[in-house]
Amino acid sequence: MNNEKLGQVSAWVTAVATILFGLFMILPDKELSGILSYAVCIVLSFGYLGLTCAFAVTAKQESKASAYFGMALAAVYAVFINLVYYSQITTVIYETAAVDVLEAITYQPGSWMFNLDLFGYGVMSLSTFFIGLSVIAQTRAEKWMRGLMLSAGVFALFSIVMPTLNLFSDEGSDIYGILALEFWCAYFAPVMVLAARYFKRRIKA
């Protein structure tokens, strides 16, 4: 598989995973919703990491530092996210740790894992921003993609700063967290579709 094909496939995998994540979060069965959401986000993380690798190796020479930085940040994001979600679908679900440990690592608003999750997505948003800086847009669709990538810097600010202000410490914050993630899905899925088109054009070129 060449670089452009990896980019196209990774973009589609990430787009589909993002859409499924948005759907799984609103399932009425909260336990099933959590399990499916955690699992699909693991897939999403690897898809996004593969995509950033494709952007990095196909970037113009003068933009490679920004692209490589975006790729490195994607790897950091993947580590944090997989630590959170893999813990939920293994140790937490099967309760294979001491009670006090389970209380500490169970994902819920304001918890340690919740804050790590937000930090991970903040790092991902920074990754998207720096990948956007490396893109030289040639079509209208690519200009839209680059613009949306650069706007990810806003998500990074909120995702990293909000936990430091303890804004998700009460039970009522759960709905706000879901709404924020649904908004993120509605933003991120089109970026991935545009990225798939970006690499499709490069394959044909």
C-alpha atoms as a PDB file:
ATOM      1  CA  MET A   1       0.000   0.000   0.000  1.00  0.00           C
ATOM      2  CA  ASN A   2       1.516   3.324  -1.059  1.00  0.00           C
ATOM      3  CA  ASN A   3       1.463   6.518   1.016  1.00  0.00           C
ATOM      4  CA  GLU A   4      -1.564   8.080  -0.673  1.00  0.00           C
ATOM      5  CA  LYS A   5      -3.616   4.885  -0.476  1.00  0.00           C
ATOM      6  CA  LEU A   6      -2.850   4.580   3.238  1.00  0.00           C
ATOM      7  CA  GLY A   7      -3.986   8.160   3.686  1.00  0.00           C
ATOM      8  CA  GLN A   8      -7.245   7.548   1.829  1.00  0.00           C
ATOM      9  CA  VAL A   9      -8.073   4.318   3.677  1.00  0.00           C
ATOM     10  CA  SER A  10      -7.124   5.790   7.050  1.00  0.00           C
ATOM     11  CA  ALA A  11      -9.289   8.848   6.418  1.00  0.00           C
ATOM     12  CA  TRP A  12     -12.325   6.709   5.584  1.00  0.00           C
ATOM     13  CA  VAL A  13     -11.760   4.475   8.618  1.00  0.00           C
ATOM     14  CA  THR A  14     -11.563   7.550  10.840  1.00  0.00           C
ATOM     15  CA  ALA A  15     -14.642   9.123   9.233  1.00  0.00           C
ATOM     16  CA  VAL A  16     -16.769   5.999   9.715  1.00  0.00           C
ATOM     17  CA  ALA A  17     -15.494   5.521  13.279  1.00  0.00           C
ATOM     18  CA  THR A  18     -16.343   9.146  14.091  1.00  0.00           C
ATOM     19  CA  ILE A  19     -19.893   8.780  12.772  1.00  0.00           C
ATOM     20  CA  LEU A  20     -20.378   5.529  14.701  1.00  0.00           C
ATOM     21  CA  PHE A  21     -19.009   7.177  17.837  1.00  0.00           C
ATOM     22  CA  GLY A  22     -21.602   9.927  17.512  1.00  0.00           C
ATOM     23  CA  LEU A  23     -24.380   7.357  17.117  1.00  0.00           C
ATOM     24  CA  PHE A  24     -23.207   5.051  19.889  1.00  0.00           C
ATOM     25  CA  MET A  25     -23.094   7.871  22.439  1.00  0.00           C
ATOM     26  CA  ILE A  26     -26.844   8.432  22.214  1.00  0.00           C
ATOM     27  CA  LEU A  27     -27.959   4.809  22.539  1.00  0.00           C
ATOM     28  CA  PRO A  28     -30.543   4.437  25.341  1.00  0.00           C
ATOM     29  CA  ASP A  29     -28.669   1.485  26.900  1.00  0.00           C
ATOM     30  CA  LYS A  30     -25.866   3.372  28.663  1.00  0.00           C
ATOM     31  CA  GLU A  31     -23.739   0.312  29.352  1.00  0.00           C
ATOM     32  CA  LEU A  32     -23.849  -0.806  25.719  1.00  0.00           C
ATOM     33  CA  SER A  33     -23.367   2.792  24.609  1.00  0.00           C
ATOM     34  CA  GLY A  34     -20.192   3.035  26.661  1.00  0.00           C
ATOM     35  CA  ILE A  35     -18.706  -0.245  25.483  1.00  0.00           C
ATOM     36  CA  LEU A  36     -19.344   0.465  21.798  1.00  0.00           C
ATOM     37  CA  SER A  37     -18.152   4.068  22.090  1.00  0.00           C
ATOM     38  CA  TYR A  38     -14.900   3.041  23.781  1.00  0.00           C
ATOM     39  CA  ALA A  39     -14.238   0.277  21.248  1.00  0.00           C
ATOM     40  CA  VAL A  40     -14.888   2.395  18.161  1.00  0.00           C
ATOM     41  CA  CYS A  41     -12.688   5.200  19.509  1.00  0.00           C
ATOM     42  CA  ILE A  42      -9.772   2.786  19.661  1.00  0.00           C
ATOM     43  CA  VAL A  43     -10.302   2.124  15.951  1.00  0.00           C
ATOM     44  CA  LEU A  44     -10.635   5.871  15.371  1.00  0.00           C
ATOM     45  CA  SER A  45      -7.302   6.556  17.051  1.00  0.00           C
ATOM     46  CA  PHE A  46      -5.395   4.133  14.838  1.00  0.00           C
ATOM     47  CA  GLY A  47      -7.130   5.431  11.731  1.00  0.00           C
ATOM     48  CA  TYR A  48      -6.190   8.996  12.599  1.00  0.00           C
ATOM     49  CA  LEU A  49      -2.594   8.031  13.394  1.00  0.00           C
ATOM     50  CA  GLY A  50      -2.259   6.343  10.004  1.00  0.00           C
ATOM     51  CA  LEU A  51      -3.710   9.418   8.335  1.00  0.00           C
ATOM     52  CA  THR A  52      -1.212  11.764   9.964  1.00  0.00           C
ATOM     53  CA  CYS A  53       1.632   9.482   8.867  1.00  0.00           C
ATOM     54  CA  ALA A  54       0.390   9.782   5.269  1.00  0.00           C
ATOM     55  CA  PHE A  55       0.179  13.563   5.531  1.00  0.00           C
ATOM     56  CA  ALA A  56       3.681  13.697   7.031  1.00  0.00           C
ATOM     57  CA  VAL A  57       5.442  11.684   4.327  1.00  0.00           C
ATOM     58  CA  THR A  58       3.603  13.388   1.447  1.00  0.00           C
ATOM     59  CA  ALA A  59       4.064  16.949   2.740  1.00  0.00           C
ATOM     60  CA  LYS A  60       6.252  19.354   0.798  1.00  0.00           C
ATOM     61  CA  GLN A  61       9.810  19.598   2.079  1.00  0.00           C
ATOM     62  CA  GLU A  62       9.268  23.088   3.491  1.00  0.00           C
ATOM     63  CA  SER A  63       6.234  21.876   5.494  1.00  0.00           C
ATOM     64  CA  LYS A  64       7.534  18.572   6.810  1.00  0.00           C
ATOM     65  CA  ALA A  65       8.440  19.859  10.308  1.00  0.00           C
ATOM     66  CA  SER A  66       4.845  20.929  10.919  1.00  0.00           C
ATOM     67  CA  ALA A  67       3.511  17.651   9.509  1.00  0.00           C
ATOM     68  CA  TYR A  68       5.934  15.557  11.576  1.00  0.00           C
ATOM     69  CA  PHE A  69       4.965  17.496  14.686  1.00  0.00           C
ATOM     70  CA  GLY A  70       1.316  16.772  13.910  1.00  0.00           C
ATOM     71  CA  MET A  71       2.138  13.090  13.484  1.00  0.00           C
ATOM     72  CA  ALA A  72       4.042  12.997  16.793  1.00  0.00           C
ATOM     73  CA  LEU A  73       1.117  14.639  18.575  1.00  0.00           C
ATOM     74  CA  ALA A  74      -1.209  12.043  17.013  1.00  0.00           C
ATOM     75  CA  ALA A  75       0.912   9.299  18.578  1.00  0.00           C
ATOM     76  CA  VAL A  76       0.649  11.001  21.985  1.00  0.00           C
ATOM     77  CA  TYR A  77      -3.135  11.269  21.525  1.00  0.00           C
ATOM     78  CA  ALA A  78      -3.383   7.577  20.633  1.00  0.00           C
ATOM     79  CA  VAL A  79      -1.499   6.570  23.780  1.00  0.00           C
ATOM     80  CA  PHE A  80      -3.750   8.609  26.081  1.00  0.00           C
ATOM     81  CA  ILE A  81      -6.996   7.592  24.385  1.00  0.00           C
ATOM     82  CA  ASN A  82      -6.174   3.894  24.259  1.00  0.00           C
ATOM     83  CA  LEU A  83      -5.083   3.951  27.903  1.00  0.00           C
ATOM     84  CA  VAL A  84      -8.502   5.342  28.823  1.00  0.00           C
ATOM     85  CA  TYR A  85     -10.721   3.261  26.551  1.00  0.00           C
ATOM     86  CA  TYR A  86      -8.890  -0.049  26.726  1.00  0.00           C
ATOM     87  CA  SER A  87      -9.016   0.183  30.513  1.00  0.00           C
ATOM     88  CA  GLN A  88     -12.796   0.633  30.326  1.00  0.00           C
ATOM     89  CA  ILE A  89     -13.467  -2.394  28.093  1.00  0.00           C
ATOM     90  CA  THR A  90     -11.151  -4.679  30.052  1.00  0.00           C
ATOM     91  CA  THR A  91     -10.334  -3.917  33.691  1.00  0.00           C
ATOM     92  CA  VAL A  92     -13.410  -1.810  34.468  1.00  0.00           C
ATOM     93  CA  ILE A  93     -16.009  -3.999  32.735  1.00  0.00           C
ATOM     94  CA  TYR A  94     -14.716  -7.227  34.244  1.00  0.00           C
ATOM     95  CA  GLU A  95     -13.862  -5.588  37.603  1.00  0.00           C
ATOM     96  CA  THR A  96     -10.432  -7.229  37.691  1.00  0.00           C
ATOM     97  CA  ALA A  97      -8.860  -4.699  40.044  1.00  0.00           C
ATOM     98  CA  ALA A  98      -9.338  -3.649  43.649  1.00  0.00           C
ATOM     99  CA  VAL A  99     -12.428  -1.556  44.389  1.00  0.00           C
ATOM    100  CA  ASP A 100     -10.459   1.609  45.081  1.00  0.00           C
ATOM    101  CA  VAL A 101      -8.557   1.166  41.819  1.00  0.00           C
ATOM    102  CA  LEU A 102     -11.789   0.655  39.881  1.00  0.00           C
ATOM    103  CA  GLU A 103     -13.231   3.811  41.420  1.00  0.00           C
ATOM    104  CA  ALA A 104     -10.167   5.728  40.280  1.00  0.00           C
ATOM    105  CA  ILE A 105     -10.079   4.470  36.689  1.00  0.00           C
ATOM    106  CA  THR A 106     -13.802   4.313  35.875  1.00  0.00           C
ATOM    107  CA  TYR A 107     -14.725   6.848  33.205  1.00  0.00           C
ATOM    108  CA  GLN A 108     -17.190   9.448  34.498  1.00  0.00           C
ATOM    109  CA  PRO A 109     -17.431  13.262  34.358  1.00  0.00           C
ATOM    110  CA  GLY A 110     -14.686  14.921  36.365  1.00  0.00           C
ATOM    111  CA  SER A 111     -12.761  11.675  36.933  1.00  0.00           C
ATOM    112  CA  TRP A 112      -9.077  11.037  36.274  1.00  0.00           C
ATOM    113  CA  MET A 113      -9.840   9.051  33.116  1.00  0.00           C
ATOM    114  CA  PHE A 114     -12.322  11.684  31.926  1.00  0.00           C
ATOM    115  CA  ASN A 115      -9.668  14.393  32.244  1.00  0.00           C
ATOM    116  CA  LEU A 116      -7.076  12.250  30.457  1.00  0.00           C
ATOM    117  CA  ASP A 117      -9.634  11.692  27.706  1.00  0.00           C
ATOM    118  CA  LEU A 118     -10.204  15.418  27.249  1.00  0.00           C
ATOM    119  CA  PHE A 119      -6.461  16.049  27.298  1.00  0.00           C
ATOM    120  CA  GLY A 120      -6.003  13.364  24.640  1.00  0.00           C
ATOM    121  CA  TYR A 121      -8.558  14.982  22.374  1.00  0.00           C
ATOM    122  CA  GLY A 122      -6.937  18.347  23.015  1.00  0.00           C
ATOM    123  CA  VAL A 123      -3.617  16.921  21.811  1.00  0.00           C
ATOM    124  CA  MET A 124      -5.415  15.415  18.808  1.00  0.00           C
ATOM    125  CA  SER A 125      -6.826  18.838  17.961  1.00  0.00           C
ATOM    126  CA  LEU A 126      -3.329  20.325  18.126  1.00  0.00           C
ATOM    127  CA  SER A 127      -2.195  17.521  15.832  1.00  0.00           C
ATOM    128  CA  THR A 128      -4.944  18.380  13.346  1.00  0.00           C
ATOM    129  CA  PHE A 129      -3.949  22.053  13.506  1.00  0.00           C
ATOM    130  CA  PHE A 130      -0.300  21.356  12.675  1.00  0.00           C
ATOM    131  CA  ILE A 131      -1.238  18.916   9.911  1.00  0.00           C
ATOM    132  CA  GLY A 132      -3.396  21.712   8.490  1.00  0.00           C
ATOM    133  CA  LEU A 133      -0.400  24.046   8.515  1.00  0.00           C
ATOM    134  CA  SER A 134       1.492  21.564   6.340  1.00  0.00           C
ATOM    135  CA  VAL A 135      -1.245  21.222   3.691  1.00  0.00           C
ATOM    136  CA  ILE A 136      -0.902  23.159   0.445  1.00  0.00           C
ATOM    137  CA  ALA A 137      -4.490  23.388  -0.763  1.00  0.00           C
ATOM    138  CA  GLN A 138      -5.053  23.393  -4.522  1.00  0.00           C
ATOM    139  CA  THR A 139      -8.808  22.925  -4.815  1.00  0.00           C
ATOM    140  CA  ARG A 140     -11.810  24.469  -3.102  1.00  0.00           C
ATOM    141  CA  ALA A 141     -12.442  21.266  -1.144  1.00  0.00           C
ATOM    142  CA  GLU A 142      -8.831  21.201   0.015  1.00  0.00           C
ATOM    143  CA  LYS A 143      -9.098  24.825   1.153  1.00  0.00           C
ATOM    144  CA  TRP A 144     -12.143  23.856   3.216  1.00  0.00           C
ATOM    145  CA  MET A 145     -10.248  20.902   4.661  1.00  0.00           C
ATOM    146  CA  ARG A 146      -7.273  23.061   5.601  1.00  0.00           C
ATOM    147  CA  GLY A 147      -9.493  25.714   7.144  1.00  0.00           C
ATOM    148  CA  LEU A 148     -11.345  23.153   9.260  1.00  0.00           C
ATOM    149  CA  MET A 149      -8.055  21.612  10.345  1.00  0.00           C
ATOM    150  CA  LEU A 150      -6.706  24.964  11.448  1.00  0.00           C
ATOM    151  CA  SER A 151      -9.893  25.693  13.385  1.00  0.00           C
ATOM    152  CA  ALA A 152      -9.174  22.582  15.475  1.00  0.00           C
ATOM    153  CA  GLY A 153      -6.922  24.783  17.572  1.00  0.00           C
ATOM    154  CA  VAL A 154     -10.071  26.064  19.288  1.00  0.00           C
ATOM    155  CA  PHE A 155     -11.003  22.534  20.389  1.00  0.00           C
ATOM    156  CA  ALA A 156      -7.487  22.079  21.748  1.00  0.00           C
ATOM    157  CA  LEU A 157      -7.825  25.158  23.934  1.00  0.00           C
ATOM    158  CA  PHE A 158     -11.117  24.069  25.481  1.00  0.00           C
ATOM    159  CA  SER A 159     -10.232  20.378  25.851  1.00  0.00           C
ATOM    160  CA  ILE A 160      -6.983  21.070  27.681  1.00  0.00           C
ATOM    161  CA  VAL A 161      -8.034  24.076  29.767  1.00  0.00           C
ATOM    162  CA  MET A 162     -11.554  23.066  30.899  1.00  0.00           C
ATOM    163  CA  PRO A 163     -10.470  20.152  33.153  1.00  0.00           C
ATOM    164  CA  THR A 164      -8.022  22.475  34.928  1.00  0.00           C
ATOM    165  CA  LEU A 165     -11.016  24.642  35.874  1.00  0.00           C
ATOM    166  CA  ASN A 166     -12.919  21.602  37.208  1.00  0.00           C
ATOM    167  CA  LEU A 167     -15.924  22.362  35.001  1.00  0.00           C
ATOM    168  CA  PHE A 168     -17.047  18.731  34.801  1.00  0.00           C
ATOM    169  CA  SER A 169     -17.207  17.948  38.511  1.00  0.00           C
ATOM    170  CA  ASP A 170     -20.987  17.650  38.937  1.00  0.00           C
ATOM    171  CA  GLU A 171     -23.344  14.949  37.687  1.00  0.00           C
ATOM    172  CA  GLY A 172     -25.285  17.343  35.469  1.00  0.00           C
ATOM    173  CA  SER A 173     -22.198  17.961  33.375  1.00  0.00           C
ATOM    174  CA  ASP A 174     -22.573  14.558  31.682  1.00  0.00           C
ATOM    175  CA  ILE A 175     -25.117  15.846  29.170  1.00  0.00           C
ATOM    176  CA  TYR A 176     -22.888  18.802  28.342  1.00  0.00           C
ATOM    177  CA  GLY A 177     -19.982  16.466  27.727  1.00  0.00           C
ATOM    178  CA  ILE A 178     -22.089  14.374  25.348  1.00  0.00           C
ATOM    179  CA  LEU A 179     -23.299  17.462  23.493  1.00  0.00           C
ATOM    180  CA  ALA A 180     -19.713  18.695  23.154  1.00  0.00           C
ATOM    181  CA  LEU A 181     -18.608  15.335  21.744  1.00  0.00           C
ATOM    182  CA  GLU A 182     -21.557  15.215  19.344  1.00  0.00           C
ATOM    183  CA  PHE A 183     -20.560  18.669  18.088  1.00  0.00           C
ATOM    184  CA  TRP A 184     -16.986  17.456  17.681  1.00  0.00           C
ATOM    185  CA  CYS A 185     -18.187  14.448  15.652  1.00  0.00           C
ATOM    186  CA  ALA A 186     -20.234  16.737  13.386  1.00  0.00           C
ATOM    187  CA  TYR A 187     -17.101  18.820  12.803  1.00  0.00           C
ATOM    188  CA  PHE A 188     -14.512  16.059  12.495  1.00  0.00           C
ATOM    189  CA  ALA A 189     -16.281  13.569  10.205  1.00  0.00           C
ATOM    190  CA  PRO A 190     -16.431  16.046   7.252  1.00  0.00           C
ATOM    191  CA  VAL A 191     -12.727  16.821   7.742  1.00  0.00           C
ATOM    192  CA  MET A 192     -11.946  13.138   7.334  1.00  0.00           C
ATOM    193  CA  VAL A 193     -14.149  12.836   4.233  1.00  0.00           C
ATOM    194  CA  LEU A 194     -12.323  15.806   2.708  1.00  0.00           C
ATOM    195  CA  ALA A 195      -9.002  14.191   3.640  1.00  0.00           C
ATOM    196  CA  ALA A 196     -10.048  11.002   1.830  1.00  0.00           C
ATOM    197  CA  ARG A 197     -10.838  13.087  -1.259  1.00  0.00           C
ATOM    198  CA  TYR A 198      -7.491  14.866  -0.888  1.00  0.00           C
ATOM    199  CA  PHE A 199      -5.564  11.600  -1.098  1.00  0.00           C
ATOM    200  CA  LYS A 200      -7.842  10.234  -3.821  1.00  0.00           C
ATOM    201  CA  ARG A 201      -6.871  13.198  -6.018  1.00  0.00           C
ATOM    202  CA  ARG A 202      -3.202  12.601  -5.267  1.00  0.00           C
ATOM    203  CA  ILE A 203      -3.544   8.923  -6.295  1.00  0.00           C
ATOM    204  CA  LYS A 204      -4.991   9.954  -9.651  1.00  0.00           C
ATOM    205  CA  ALA A 205      -2.396  12.687 -10.208  1.00  0.00           C
END
